[in-house]
């Protein structure tokens, strides 16, 4: 039986960079984590060790930093610039993963790291076609009421009590696919993020699955350029504390936060013609 080389790629993972625009007294700051991955005619490198077709990963890192000098703009556009630059010759495909960390302005040149969620972009280019995915992660949300969980099957291993009122909390990871690259990236991201938050806040939830579908549907309704969204919602459990040993009642006010294990709800919401 012959042994052959399968699909492969290589690149520079997690190049951290901060770009400060100083063209006015009010500085602007962009904080990124950029990963590059290239694929193509790399068989000789794997089979014989020849490196004549290898763009060194250090060169990839330097390219990211040099491109940042000219300005970043929207991270989707930055990813497209990088991907199109790398593809050519023995390099047939490029994937650029970007995370953008949010900072809130405190003054002309002072910032504080915010908890508004980390913006995501994934750009692929194969020499002819570019595709872009966007998203957000670490968007932590919580409802103190308006959530129930009951009616599930019970067997000899079931100990979880049913509840008609509970805290619902999660850290949203959402990744969406754009139908084209002709998009107002900033507007699409802000609208998608707002849609996720509003749907979480105003959906009376009987399950986190129901909330997931409501959030995904809201994004697709409000951002027509998005064709599909995938959501991952860990259930951040909050357990009502029993304070009776201390002679105290607890009318839904004191909770112990569970770390692990946790429920993990994942799903895709897409347009029917996707």
C-alpha atoms as a PDB file:
ATOM      1  CA  UNK A   1       0.000   0.000   0.000  1.00  0.00           C
ATOM      2  CA  UNK A   2       1.480   3.343  -1.057  1.00  0.00           C
ATOM      3  CA  UNK A   3       1.981   6.159   1.439  1.00  0.00           C
ATOM      4  CA  UNK A   4       1.263   9.665   0.149  1.00  0.00           C
ATOM      5  CA  UNK A   5       1.246  13.185   1.512  1.00  0.00           C
ATOM      6  CA  UNK A   6      -2.153  14.590   2.345  1.00  0.00           C
ATOM      7  CA  UNK A   7      -3.413  18.139   2.700  1.00  0.00           C
ATOM      8  CA  UNK A   8      -0.992  20.441   4.482  1.00  0.00           C
ATOM      9  CA  UNK A   9      -0.350  24.059   5.305  1.00  0.00           C
ATOM     10  CA  UNK A  10       2.080  26.093   7.357  1.00  0.00           C
ATOM     11  CA  UNK A  11       2.275  29.594   8.731  1.00  0.00           C
ATOM     12  CA  UNK A  12       2.933  31.959  11.606  1.00  0.00           C
ATOM     13  CA  UNK A  13       0.478  31.699  14.461  1.00  0.00           C
ATOM     14  CA  UNK A  14      -0.593  34.576  16.689  1.00  0.00           C
ATOM     15  CA  UNK A  15       1.451  37.560  15.637  1.00  0.00           C
ATOM     16  CA  UNK A  16       0.461  40.137  18.250  1.00  0.00           C
ATOM     17  CA  UNK A  17       0.520  43.753  17.177  1.00  0.00           C
ATOM     18  CA  UNK A  18      -0.771  47.114  18.332  1.00  0.00           C
ATOM     19  CA  UNK A  19      -1.132  49.962  15.834  1.00  0.00           C
ATOM     20  CA  UNK A  20      -1.332  53.513  17.187  1.00  0.00           C
ATOM     21  CA  UNK A  21      -2.477  56.254  14.818  1.00  0.00           C
ATOM     22  CA  UNK A  22      -0.932  59.556  15.938  1.00  0.00           C
ATOM     23  CA  UNK A  23      -2.050  61.847  13.131  1.00  0.00           C
ATOM     24  CA  UNK A  24      -4.046  63.969  15.575  1.00  0.00           C
ATOM     25  CA  UNK A  25      -3.994  64.807  19.284  1.00  0.00           C
ATOM     26  CA  UNK A  26      -6.645  62.099  19.775  1.00  0.00           C
ATOM     27  CA  UNK A  27      -4.840  58.819  19.210  1.00  0.00           C
ATOM     28  CA  UNK A  28      -6.496  55.736  17.768  1.00  0.00           C
ATOM     29  CA  UNK A  29      -5.510  52.219  18.827  1.00  0.00           C
ATOM     30  CA  UNK A  30      -5.993  48.859  17.099  1.00  0.00           C
ATOM     31  CA  UNK A  31      -4.968  45.666  18.947  1.00  0.00           C
ATOM     32  CA  UNK A  32      -4.736  42.500  16.839  1.00  0.00           C
ATOM     33  CA  UNK A  33      -3.731  38.856  16.966  1.00  0.00           C
ATOM     34  CA  UNK A  34      -2.988  37.659  13.406  1.00  0.00           C
ATOM     35  CA  UNK A  35      -2.335  34.109  12.215  1.00  0.00           C
ATOM     36  CA  UNK A  36      -1.299  33.261   8.659  1.00  0.00           C
ATOM     37  CA  UNK A  37      -1.443  29.843   6.993  1.00  0.00           C
ATOM     38  CA  UNK A  38      -0.252  29.066   3.463  1.00  0.00           C
ATOM     39  CA  UNK A  39      -0.735  26.007   1.273  1.00  0.00           C
ATOM     40  CA  UNK A  40       0.383  24.961  -2.176  1.00  0.00           C
ATOM     41  CA  UNK A  41       3.164  23.088  -3.909  1.00  0.00           C
ATOM     42  CA  UNK A  42       4.942  21.894  -0.776  1.00  0.00           C
ATOM     43  CA  UNK A  43       5.438  18.197  -1.532  1.00  0.00           C
ATOM     44  CA  UNK A  44       9.224  18.472  -1.994  1.00  0.00           C
ATOM     45  CA  UNK A  45       9.567  20.216   1.340  1.00  0.00           C
ATOM     46  CA  UNK A  46       7.870  17.361   3.173  1.00  0.00           C
ATOM     47  CA  UNK A  47       9.459  14.536   1.173  1.00  0.00           C
ATOM     48  CA  UNK A  48      13.025  15.770   0.659  1.00  0.00           C
ATOM     49  CA  UNK A  49      13.438  18.779   2.941  1.00  0.00           C
ATOM     50  CA  UNK A  50      13.902  21.218   0.046  1.00  0.00           C
ATOM     51  CA  UNK A  51      12.945  24.736   1.126  1.00  0.00           C
ATOM     52  CA  UNK A  52      13.106  26.584  -2.200  1.00  0.00           C
ATOM     53  CA  UNK A  53       9.315  27.041  -2.255  1.00  0.00           C
ATOM     54  CA  UNK A  54       8.889  27.928   1.417  1.00  0.00           C
ATOM     55  CA  UNK A  55       8.068  31.483   2.418  1.00  0.00           C
ATOM     56  CA  UNK A  56       9.560  31.452   5.909  1.00  0.00           C
ATOM     57  CA  UNK A  57       7.089  31.914   8.731  1.00  0.00           C
ATOM     58  CA  UNK A  58       9.281  34.733  10.043  1.00  0.00           C
ATOM     59  CA  UNK A  59       8.786  36.482   6.696  1.00  0.00           C
ATOM     60  CA  UNK A  60       5.038  36.047   7.088  1.00  0.00           C
ATOM     61  CA  UNK A  61       5.213  37.681  10.518  1.00  0.00           C
ATOM     62  CA  UNK A  62       7.275  40.573   9.157  1.00  0.00           C
ATOM     63  CA  UNK A  63       4.788  41.041   6.308  1.00  0.00           C
ATOM     64  CA  UNK A  64       1.920  41.370   8.780  1.00  0.00           C
ATOM     65  CA  UNK A  65       3.826  44.028  10.734  1.00  0.00           C
ATOM     66  CA  UNK A  66       4.892  45.911   7.608  1.00  0.00           C
ATOM     67  CA  UNK A  67       1.342  45.951   6.216  1.00  0.00           C
ATOM     68  CA  UNK A  68       0.113  47.354   9.540  1.00  0.00           C
ATOM     69  CA  UNK A  69       2.416  50.353   9.066  1.00  0.00           C
ATOM     70  CA  UNK A  70       0.301  51.485   6.104  1.00  0.00           C
ATOM     71  CA  UNK A  71      -2.873  51.259   8.197  1.00  0.00           C
ATOM     72  CA  UNK A  72      -5.209  48.447   9.152  1.00  0.00           C
ATOM     73  CA  UNK A  73      -8.722  49.728   8.585  1.00  0.00           C
ATOM     74  CA  UNK A  74     -11.364  47.040   8.982  1.00  0.00           C
ATOM     75  CA  UNK A  75      -9.833  43.688   9.865  1.00  0.00           C
ATOM     76  CA  UNK A  76     -11.635  41.965   6.990  1.00  0.00           C
ATOM     77  CA  UNK A  77      -9.941  44.330   4.519  1.00  0.00           C
ATOM     78  CA  UNK A  78      -6.596  43.826   6.257  1.00  0.00           C
ATOM     79  CA  UNK A  79      -6.996  40.056   5.934  1.00  0.00           C
ATOM     80  CA  UNK A  80      -7.875  40.358   2.244  1.00  0.00           C
ATOM     81  CA  UNK A  81      -4.771  42.471   1.590  1.00  0.00           C
ATOM     82  CA  UNK A  82      -2.542  39.923   3.285  1.00  0.00           C
ATOM     83  CA  UNK A  83      -4.125  36.876   1.656  1.00  0.00           C
ATOM     84  CA  UNK A  84      -3.871  38.320  -1.845  1.00  0.00           C
ATOM     85  CA  UNK A  85      -0.257  39.325  -1.228  1.00  0.00           C
ATOM     86  CA  UNK A  86       0.834  35.841  -0.165  1.00  0.00           C
ATOM     87  CA  UNK A  87      -0.798  33.862  -2.993  1.00  0.00           C
ATOM     88  CA  UNK A  88       1.345  33.373  -6.077  1.00  0.00           C
ATOM     89  CA  UNK A  89       4.001  31.010  -7.439  1.00  0.00           C
ATOM     90  CA  UNK A  90       4.118  27.866  -5.301  1.00  0.00           C
ATOM     91  CA  UNK A  91       1.631  29.361  -2.810  1.00  0.00           C
ATOM     92  CA  UNK A  92      -1.850  28.475  -4.031  1.00  0.00           C
ATOM     93  CA  UNK A  93      -3.934  29.386  -1.001  1.00  0.00           C
ATOM     94  CA  UNK A  94      -3.834  31.609   2.073  1.00  0.00           C
ATOM     95  CA  UNK A  95      -5.893  31.730   5.226  1.00  0.00           C
ATOM     96  CA  UNK A  96      -5.713  34.733   7.543  1.00  0.00           C
ATOM     97  CA  UNK A  97      -7.243  34.564  11.031  1.00  0.00           C
ATOM     98  CA  UNK A  98      -7.560  37.834  12.917  1.00  0.00           C
ATOM     99  CA  UNK A  99      -8.749  38.642  16.421  1.00  0.00           C
ATOM    100  CA  UNK A 100      -9.336  42.278  17.359  1.00  0.00           C
ATOM    101  CA  UNK A 101      -9.367  43.115  21.053  1.00  0.00           C
ATOM    102  CA  UNK A 102     -11.636  45.970  22.162  1.00  0.00           C
ATOM    103  CA  UNK A 103     -10.367  49.039  23.991  1.00  0.00           C
ATOM    104  CA  UNK A 104     -12.513  51.882  25.360  1.00  0.00           C
ATOM    105  CA  UNK A 105     -11.205  55.416  25.195  1.00  0.00           C
ATOM    106  CA  UNK A 106     -10.644  57.240  28.509  1.00  0.00           C
ATOM    107  CA  UNK A 107      -9.028  60.368  27.064  1.00  0.00           C
ATOM    108  CA  UNK A 108      -7.059  61.602  24.089  1.00  0.00           C
ATOM    109  CA  UNK A 109      -4.388  58.942  24.557  1.00  0.00           C
ATOM    110  CA  UNK A 110      -5.685  56.740  27.385  1.00  0.00           C
ATOM    111  CA  UNK A 111      -7.606  53.472  26.993  1.00  0.00           C
ATOM    112  CA  UNK A 112      -9.030  50.677  29.100  1.00  0.00           C
ATOM    113  CA  UNK A 113      -9.578  47.114  27.928  1.00  0.00           C
ATOM    114  CA  UNK A 114     -13.310  46.556  27.554  1.00  0.00           C
ATOM    115  CA  UNK A 115     -15.431  43.438  27.821  1.00  0.00           C
ATOM    116  CA  UNK A 116     -17.406  43.982  24.641  1.00  0.00           C
ATOM    117  CA  UNK A 117     -16.209  40.765  23.017  1.00  0.00           C
ATOM    118  CA  UNK A 118     -13.333  39.983  20.680  1.00  0.00           C
ATOM    119  CA  UNK A 119     -14.014  40.645  16.998  1.00  0.00           C
ATOM    120  CA  UNK A 120     -13.045  37.835  14.576  1.00  0.00           C
ATOM    121  CA  UNK A 121     -12.280  37.584  10.875  1.00  0.00           C
ATOM    122  CA  UNK A 122     -11.175  34.643   8.734  1.00  0.00           C
ATOM    123  CA  UNK A 123     -10.138  35.349   5.142  1.00  0.00           C
ATOM    124  CA  UNK A 124      -9.359  32.697   2.530  1.00  0.00           C
ATOM    125  CA  UNK A 125      -7.975  33.300  -0.963  1.00  0.00           C
ATOM    126  CA  UNK A 126      -7.119  30.649  -3.555  1.00  0.00           C
ATOM    127  CA  UNK A 127      -5.808  32.898  -6.289  1.00  0.00           C
ATOM    128  CA  UNK A 128      -9.229  33.438  -7.824  1.00  0.00           C
ATOM    129  CA  UNK A 129     -11.888  33.573  -5.126  1.00  0.00           C
ATOM    130  CA  UNK A 130     -11.844  35.255  -1.739  1.00  0.00           C
ATOM    131  CA  UNK A 131     -14.188  34.297   1.099  1.00  0.00           C
ATOM    132  CA  UNK A 132     -14.662  36.126   4.363  1.00  0.00           C
ATOM    133  CA  UNK A 133     -16.068  35.017   7.682  1.00  0.00           C
ATOM    134  CA  UNK A 134     -16.639  37.332  10.613  1.00  0.00           C
ATOM    135  CA  UNK A 135     -17.599  36.823  14.199  1.00  0.00           C
ATOM    136  CA  UNK A 136     -17.200  37.549  17.865  1.00  0.00           C
ATOM    137  CA  UNK A 137     -16.097  35.596  20.927  1.00  0.00           C
ATOM    138  CA  UNK A 138     -15.996  36.163  24.697  1.00  0.00           C
ATOM    139  CA  UNK A 139     -19.232  38.167  24.578  1.00  0.00           C
ATOM    140  CA  UNK A 140     -20.455  37.442  28.110  1.00  0.00           C
ATOM    141  CA  UNK A 141     -24.162  38.035  28.780  1.00  0.00           C
ATOM    142  CA  UNK A 142     -26.559  37.242  31.624  1.00  0.00           C
ATOM    143  CA  UNK A 143     -30.301  37.455  32.313  1.00  0.00           C
ATOM    144  CA  UNK A 144     -31.296  37.416  35.990  1.00  0.00           C
ATOM    145  CA  UNK A 145     -34.764  36.110  35.128  1.00  0.00           C
ATOM    146  CA  UNK A 146     -36.914  35.288  32.111  1.00  0.00           C
ATOM    147  CA  UNK A 147     -35.559  31.760  31.730  1.00  0.00           C
ATOM    148  CA  UNK A 148     -37.035  28.354  32.571  1.00  0.00           C
ATOM    149  CA  UNK A 149     -35.913  24.748  32.127  1.00  0.00           C
ATOM    150  CA  UNK A 150     -38.340  21.902  32.621  1.00  0.00           C
ATOM    151  CA  UNK A 151     -40.128  19.062  30.810  1.00  0.00           C
ATOM    152  CA  UNK A 152     -36.978  17.096  29.979  1.00  0.00           C
ATOM    153  CA  UNK A 153     -36.818  13.278  30.244  1.00  0.00           C
ATOM    154  CA  UNK A 154     -35.982  11.885  33.662  1.00  0.00           C
ATOM    155  CA  UNK A 155     -34.369   8.536  34.465  1.00  0.00           C
ATOM    156  CA  UNK A 156     -32.548   6.932  37.383  1.00  0.00           C
ATOM    157  CA  UNK A 157     -29.546   9.215  36.817  1.00  0.00           C
ATOM    158  CA  UNK A 158     -31.445  12.505  36.707  1.00  0.00           C
ATOM    159  CA  UNK A 159     -30.936  14.748  39.737  1.00  0.00           C
ATOM    160  CA  UNK A 160     -31.388  18.197  38.185  1.00  0.00           C
ATOM    161  CA  UNK A 161     -34.545  19.867  39.529  1.00  0.00           C
ATOM    162  CA  UNK A 162     -36.897  21.575  37.105  1.00  0.00           C
ATOM    163  CA  UNK A 163     -37.082  25.348  37.356  1.00  0.00           C
ATOM    164  CA  UNK A 164     -39.517  28.034  36.250  1.00  0.00           C
ATOM    165  CA  UNK A 165     -37.108  30.878  37.036  1.00  0.00           C
ATOM    166  CA  UNK A 166     -33.335  30.786  36.676  1.00  0.00           C
ATOM    167  CA  UNK A 167     -30.309  32.870  35.805  1.00  0.00           C
ATOM    168  CA  UNK A 168     -29.284  32.369  32.178  1.00  0.00           C
ATOM    169  CA  UNK A 169     -25.665  33.243  31.420  1.00  0.00           C
ATOM    170  CA  UNK A 170     -23.284  32.416  28.597  1.00  0.00           C
ATOM    171  CA  UNK A 171     -20.144  33.588  26.795  1.00  0.00           C
ATOM    172  CA  UNK A 172     -21.121  33.860  23.151  1.00  0.00           C
ATOM    173  CA  UNK A 173     -18.912  32.685  20.314  1.00  0.00           C
ATOM    174  CA  UNK A 174     -20.533  33.473  16.973  1.00  0.00           C
ATOM    175  CA  UNK A 175     -18.983  32.999  13.532  1.00  0.00           C
ATOM    176  CA  UNK A 176     -20.791  34.092  10.409  1.00  0.00           C
ATOM    177  CA  UNK A 177     -20.242  33.663   6.666  1.00  0.00           C
ATOM    178  CA  UNK A 178     -20.589  36.554   4.243  1.00  0.00           C
ATOM    179  CA  UNK A 179     -22.140  35.890   0.849  1.00  0.00           C
ATOM    180  CA  UNK A 180     -19.653  38.237  -0.865  1.00  0.00           C
ATOM    181  CA  UNK A 181     -16.746  40.590  -0.165  1.00  0.00           C
ATOM    182  CA  UNK A 182     -18.753  43.695  -1.111  1.00  0.00           C
ATOM    183  CA  UNK A 183     -19.722  44.506   2.468  1.00  0.00           C
ATOM    184  CA  UNK A 184     -19.591  47.455   4.836  1.00  0.00           C
ATOM    185  CA  UNK A 185     -17.608  45.431   7.384  1.00  0.00           C
ATOM    186  CA  UNK A 186     -17.915  47.851  10.308  1.00  0.00           C
ATOM    187  CA  UNK A 187     -21.674  48.257   9.909  1.00  0.00           C
ATOM    188  CA  UNK A 188     -22.190  44.513   9.485  1.00  0.00           C
ATOM    189  CA  UNK A 189     -20.224  43.720  12.628  1.00  0.00           C
ATOM    190  CA  UNK A 190     -21.922  46.313  14.794  1.00  0.00           C
ATOM    191  CA  UNK A 191     -25.365  45.297  13.566  1.00  0.00           C
ATOM    192  CA  UNK A 192     -24.642  41.601  14.129  1.00  0.00           C
ATOM    193  CA  UNK A 193     -23.282  42.239  17.618  1.00  0.00           C
ATOM    194  CA  UNK A 194     -26.266  44.415  18.552  1.00  0.00           C
ATOM    195  CA  UNK A 195     -28.639  41.787  17.156  1.00  0.00           C
ATOM    196  CA  UNK A 196     -27.057  39.071  19.314  1.00  0.00           C
ATOM    197  CA  UNK A 197     -27.363  41.195  22.436  1.00  0.00           C
ATOM    198  CA  UNK A 198     -30.926  42.345  21.791  1.00  0.00           C
ATOM    199  CA  UNK A 199     -32.149  38.839  20.967  1.00  0.00           C
ATOM    200  CA  UNK A 200     -30.576  37.445  24.131  1.00  0.00           C
ATOM    201  CA  UNK A 201     -32.115  40.200  26.245  1.00  0.00           C
ATOM    202  CA  UNK A 202     -35.676  40.107  24.887  1.00  0.00           C
ATOM    203  CA  UNK A 203     -36.166  36.350  24.332  1.00  0.00           C
ATOM    204  CA  UNK A 204     -38.092  34.629  27.118  1.00  0.00           C
ATOM    205  CA  UNK A 205     -36.115  31.411  27.204  1.00  0.00           C
ATOM    206  CA  UNK A 206     -37.311  27.874  27.858  1.00  0.00           C
ATOM    207  CA  UNK A 207     -33.934  26.493  26.801  1.00  0.00           C
ATOM    208  CA  UNK A 208     -30.568  27.833  25.731  1.00  0.00           C
ATOM    209  CA  UNK A 209     -31.189  26.126  22.377  1.00  0.00           C
ATOM    210  CA  UNK A 210     -34.232  28.343  21.867  1.00  0.00           C
ATOM    211  CA  UNK A 211     -32.160  31.400  22.716  1.00  0.00           C
ATOM    212  CA  UNK A 212     -29.442  30.311  20.270  1.00  0.00           C
ATOM    213  CA  UNK A 213     -31.937  30.097  17.411  1.00  0.00           C
ATOM    214  CA  UNK A 214     -33.447  33.475  18.307  1.00  0.00           C
ATOM    215  CA  UNK A 215     -30.004  35.096  18.310  1.00  0.00           C
ATOM    216  CA  UNK A 216     -28.995  33.565  14.988  1.00  0.00           C
ATOM    217  CA  UNK A 217     -32.304  34.446  13.360  1.00  0.00           C
ATOM    218  CA  UNK A 218     -32.017  38.054  14.499  1.00  0.00           C
ATOM    219  CA  UNK A 219     -28.576  38.399  12.941  1.00  0.00           C
ATOM    220  CA  UNK A 220     -29.718  36.967   9.589  1.00  0.00           C
ATOM    221  CA  UNK A 221     -32.771  39.215   9.585  1.00  0.00           C
ATOM    222  CA  UNK A 222     -30.784  42.375  10.264  1.00  0.00           C
ATOM    223  CA  UNK A 223     -27.621  41.705   8.223  1.00  0.00           C
ATOM    224  CA  UNK A 224     -28.620  40.591   4.733  1.00  0.00           C
ATOM    225  CA  UNK A 225     -24.992  40.053   3.664  1.00  0.00           C
ATOM    226  CA  UNK A 226     -24.627  37.164   6.137  1.00  0.00           C
ATOM    227  CA  UNK A 227     -25.729  33.785   4.800  1.00  0.00           C
ATOM    228  CA  UNK A 228     -25.003  31.589   7.822  1.00  0.00           C
ATOM    229  CA  UNK A 229     -24.102  31.933  11.483  1.00  0.00           C
ATOM    230  CA  UNK A 230     -22.693  29.317  13.841  1.00  0.00           C
ATOM    231  CA  UNK A 231     -23.065  29.826  17.570  1.00  0.00           C
ATOM    232  CA  UNK A 232     -21.410  28.184  20.556  1.00  0.00           C
ATOM    233  CA  UNK A 233     -23.027  28.943  23.914  1.00  0.00           C
ATOM    234  CA  UNK A 234     -21.580  27.448  27.093  1.00  0.00           C
ATOM    235  CA  UNK A 235     -24.158  27.422  29.871  1.00  0.00           C
ATOM    236  CA  UNK A 236     -22.604  29.367  32.744  1.00  0.00           C
ATOM    237  CA  UNK A 237     -24.471  27.639  35.565  1.00  0.00           C
ATOM    238  CA  UNK A 238     -25.601  29.612  38.619  1.00  0.00           C
ATOM    239  CA  UNK A 239     -26.772  27.446  41.520  1.00  0.00           C
ATOM    240  CA  UNK A 240     -29.041  28.821  44.236  1.00  0.00           C
ATOM    241  CA  UNK A 241     -27.209  28.566  47.532  1.00  0.00           C
ATOM    242  CA  UNK A 242     -28.826  26.769  50.465  1.00  0.00           C
ATOM    243  CA  UNK A 243     -28.411  29.224  53.364  1.00  0.00           C
ATOM    244  CA  UNK A 244     -30.735  27.382  55.745  1.00  0.00           C
ATOM    245  CA  UNK A 245     -27.814  25.929  57.791  1.00  0.00           C
ATOM    246  CA  UNK A 246     -27.090  29.532  58.774  1.00  0.00           C
ATOM    247  CA  UNK A 247     -30.699  30.314  59.652  1.00  0.00           C
ATOM    248  CA  UNK A 248     -31.110  32.425  56.517  1.00  0.00           C
ATOM    249  CA  UNK A 249     -33.591  32.317  53.675  1.00  0.00           C
ATOM    250  CA  UNK A 250     -32.531  32.838  50.071  1.00  0.00           C
ATOM    251  CA  UNK A 251     -35.304  34.255  47.878  1.00  0.00           C
ATOM    252  CA  UNK A 252     -33.307  33.945  44.651  1.00  0.00           C
ATOM    253  CA  UNK A 253     -30.570  36.353  45.639  1.00  0.00           C
ATOM    254  CA  UNK A 254     -27.364  34.412  46.364  1.00  0.00           C
ATOM    255  CA  UNK A 255     -25.920  32.006  43.776  1.00  0.00           C
ATOM    256  CA  UNK A 256     -22.802  29.925  43.487  1.00  0.00           C
ATOM    257  CA  UNK A 257     -21.247  30.084  40.029  1.00  0.00           C
ATOM    258  CA  UNK A 258     -20.262  26.726  38.548  1.00  0.00           C
ATOM    259  CA  UNK A 259     -16.955  26.533  36.711  1.00  0.00           C
ATOM    260  CA  UNK A 260     -16.996  23.049  35.158  1.00  0.00           C
ATOM    261  CA  UNK A 261     -18.429  20.856  33.856  1.00  0.00           C
ATOM    262  CA  UNK A 262     -20.858  23.004  31.914  1.00  0.00           C
ATOM    263  CA  UNK A 263     -23.491  22.503  29.276  1.00  0.00           C
ATOM    264  CA  UNK A 264     -22.349  23.460  25.783  1.00  0.00           C
ATOM    265  CA  UNK A 265     -25.016  24.359  23.237  1.00  0.00           C
ATOM    266  CA  UNK A 266     -23.932  24.696  19.602  1.00  0.00           C
ATOM    267  CA  UNK A 267     -25.886  25.213  16.427  1.00  0.00           C
ATOM    268  CA  UNK A 268     -26.025  26.743  12.954  1.00  0.00           C
ATOM    269  CA  UNK A 269     -28.716  29.077  11.660  1.00  0.00           C
ATOM    270  CA  UNK A 270     -28.677  29.678   7.921  1.00  0.00           C
ATOM    271  CA  UNK A 271     -30.769  30.931   5.060  1.00  0.00           C
ATOM    272  CA  UNK A 272     -32.805  28.171   3.438  1.00  0.00           C
ATOM    273  CA  UNK A 273     -30.985  28.503   0.098  1.00  0.00           C
ATOM    274  CA  UNK A 274     -27.558  28.336   1.743  1.00  0.00           C
END
